[in-house]
Amino acid sequence: MRNKMRIDTESPICSLCRDAGPHLYSLRENDRVSSMVRTFISLHLDHSYQDPQRYKLITLTHSDSRVNFLNAVCAWYISKSFQNKKQLVWEVFLKHLKMFLIGEKRNSVAGLRELLP
């Protein structure tokens, strides 16, 4: 009722696919960046990394702190872009990733800066 009266502008219905429910990370528009992050992780950090259900992206339970750092920045970037209604761009994600590396604990991101393009 509050939504119909325009008191509440937040709606449980997704503005991109007109579906209700917590599915932000499985939207087709958001999957491109998260799949590029998964590819980057499997090529450079953990060759056996697989996360098709995006469990490690959300829970950050990987044994390598660099993988958790990448997943945390990816989840933040997807949600921030969704809130601001902006397109997801890989180069913008890399810019944010490099910015977040500044001041981060040395042991949690050791060697990650050298791997980034």
Protein backbone atom coordinates (compact mmCIF):
# COMPACT_ATOMS: atom_id res chain seq x y z
CA MET A 1 0.00 0.00 0.00
CA ARG A 2 2.81 2.41 0.90
CA ASN A 3 4.40 1.71 -2.48
CA LYS A 4 1.18 2.49 -4.35
CA MET A 5 0.82 5.76 -2.45
CA ARG A 6 4.45 6.57 -3.37
CA ILE A 7 5.43 6.89 0.29
CA ASP A 8 7.87 4.01 -0.10
CA THR A 9 9.77 4.14 -3.34
CA GLU A 10 11.61 0.90 -2.67
CA SER A 11 9.88 -2.06 -4.19
CA PRO A 12 10.61 -5.78 -3.72
CA ILE A 13 10.22 -6.18 -7.48
CA CYS A 14 13.44 -6.04 -9.46
CA SER A 15 13.63 -3.05 -11.77
CA LEU A 16 15.63 -5.00 -14.35
CA CYS A 17 13.68 -8.21 -14.74
CA ARG A 18 10.38 -7.45 -12.95
CA ASP A 19 10.84 -10.41 -10.62
CA ALA A 20 10.72 -10.45 -6.83
CA GLY A 21 13.36 -12.06 -4.69
CA PRO A 22 17.03 -11.88 -3.75
CA HIS A 23 18.72 -12.56 -7.05
CA LEU A 24 20.97 -9.56 -7.63
CA TYR A 25 24.09 -11.64 -8.29
CA SER A 26 22.40 -14.00 -10.73
CA LEU A 27 21.06 -11.37 -13.13
CA ARG A 28 22.38 -11.66 -16.66
CA GLU A 29 23.71 -8.09 -16.58
CA ASN A 30 25.67 -8.75 -13.39
CA ASP A 31 26.91 -12.21 -14.32
CA ARG A 32 29.38 -10.87 -16.89
CA VAL A 33 31.59 -9.13 -14.31
CA SER A 34 31.33 -11.93 -11.77
CA SER A 35 32.25 -14.50 -14.43
CA MET A 36 35.26 -12.38 -15.43
CA VAL A 37 36.33 -12.30 -11.78
CA ARG A 38 35.93 -16.09 -11.57
CA THR A 39 38.03 -16.47 -14.72
CA PHE A 40 40.70 -14.13 -13.35
CA ILE A 41 40.83 -16.12 -10.11
CA SER A 42 41.06 -19.47 -11.88
CA LEU A 43 43.80 -18.22 -14.24
CA HIS A 44 46.00 -16.41 -11.73
CA LEU A 45 45.28 -17.47 -8.14
CA ASP A 46 43.51 -20.83 -7.83
CA HIS A 47 43.48 -23.04 -10.92
CA SER A 48 40.78 -25.29 -9.48
CA TYR A 49 38.45 -22.43 -8.47
CA GLN A 50 34.80 -22.96 -9.32
CA ASP A 51 31.84 -21.09 -7.88
CA PRO A 52 28.81 -21.67 -10.14
CA GLN A 53 26.29 -20.98 -7.35
CA ARG A 54 28.19 -17.84 -6.26
CA TYR A 55 28.52 -19.23 -2.74
CA LYS A 56 32.09 -18.02 -2.23
CA LEU A 57 31.29 -14.66 -3.84
CA ILE A 58 28.77 -13.92 -1.11
CA THR A 59 30.17 -15.77 1.92
CA LEU A 60 33.91 -15.10 1.31
CA THR A 61 34.92 -18.53 2.59
CA HIS A 62 37.85 -19.31 0.31
CA SER A 63 41.11 -20.25 2.01
CA ASP A 64 43.08 -17.62 0.02
CA SER A 65 42.50 -14.10 1.33
CA ARG A 66 43.24 -12.62 -2.11
CA VAL A 67 40.31 -14.54 -3.59
CA ASN A 68 38.07 -13.33 -0.77
CA PHE A 69 39.26 -9.77 -1.38
CA LEU A 70 38.43 -10.00 -5.11
CA ASN A 71 35.02 -11.49 -4.35
CA ALA A 72 34.27 -8.80 -1.75
CA VAL A 73 35.12 -6.00 -4.18
CA CYS A 74 33.08 -7.72 -6.92
CA ALA A 75 30.03 -8.05 -4.67
CA TRP A 76 30.38 -4.41 -3.57
CA TYR A 77 30.76 -3.22 -7.17
CA ILE A 78 27.71 -5.14 -8.38
CA SER A 79 25.49 -3.87 -5.58
CA LYS A 80 26.76 -0.28 -5.80
CA SER A 81 26.25 -0.18 -9.57
CA PHE A 82 22.78 -1.67 -9.18
CA GLN A 83 21.83 0.93 -6.58
CA ASN A 84 23.10 3.77 -8.78
CA LYS A 85 21.50 2.22 -11.90
CA LYS A 86 24.84 2.16 -13.72
CA GLN A 87 26.15 -0.37 -16.21
CA LEU A 88 28.81 -2.81 -15.07
CA VAL A 89 32.11 -2.23 -16.85
CA TRP A 90 35.17 -4.42 -16.31
CA GLU A 91 37.60 -1.49 -16.53
CA VAL A 92 35.65 0.44 -13.86
CA PHE A 93 35.72 -2.64 -11.64
CA LEU A 94 39.51 -2.83 -12.05
CA LYS A 95 39.79 0.86 -11.16
CA HIS A 96 37.84 0.30 -7.94
CA LEU A 97 39.86 -2.82 -7.18
CA LYS A 98 43.16 -0.93 -7.50
CA MET A 99 41.76 1.87 -5.35
CA PHE A 100 40.73 -0.59 -2.61
CA LEU A 101 44.19 -2.18 -2.63
CA ILE A 102 45.63 1.06 -1.25
CA GLY A 103 45.91 0.75 2.50
CA GLU A 104 44.83 -2.89 2.62
CA LYS A 105 46.79 -5.31 4.80
CA ARG A 106 49.90 -6.51 3.02
CA ASN A 107 49.37 -10.21 3.77
CA SER A 108 45.79 -10.20 2.48
CA VAL A 109 46.63 -8.81 -0.95
CA ALA A 110 50.24 -9.96 -1.41
CA GLY A 111 51.04 -10.29 -5.09
CA LEU A 112 47.60 -9.19 -6.25
CA ARG A 113 48.71 -5.75 -7.45
CA GLU A 114 51.24 -7.31 -9.85
CA LEU A 115 48.58 -9.56 -11.41
CA LEU A 116 46.21 -6.75 -12.33
CA PRO A 117 46.35 -5.32 -15.85
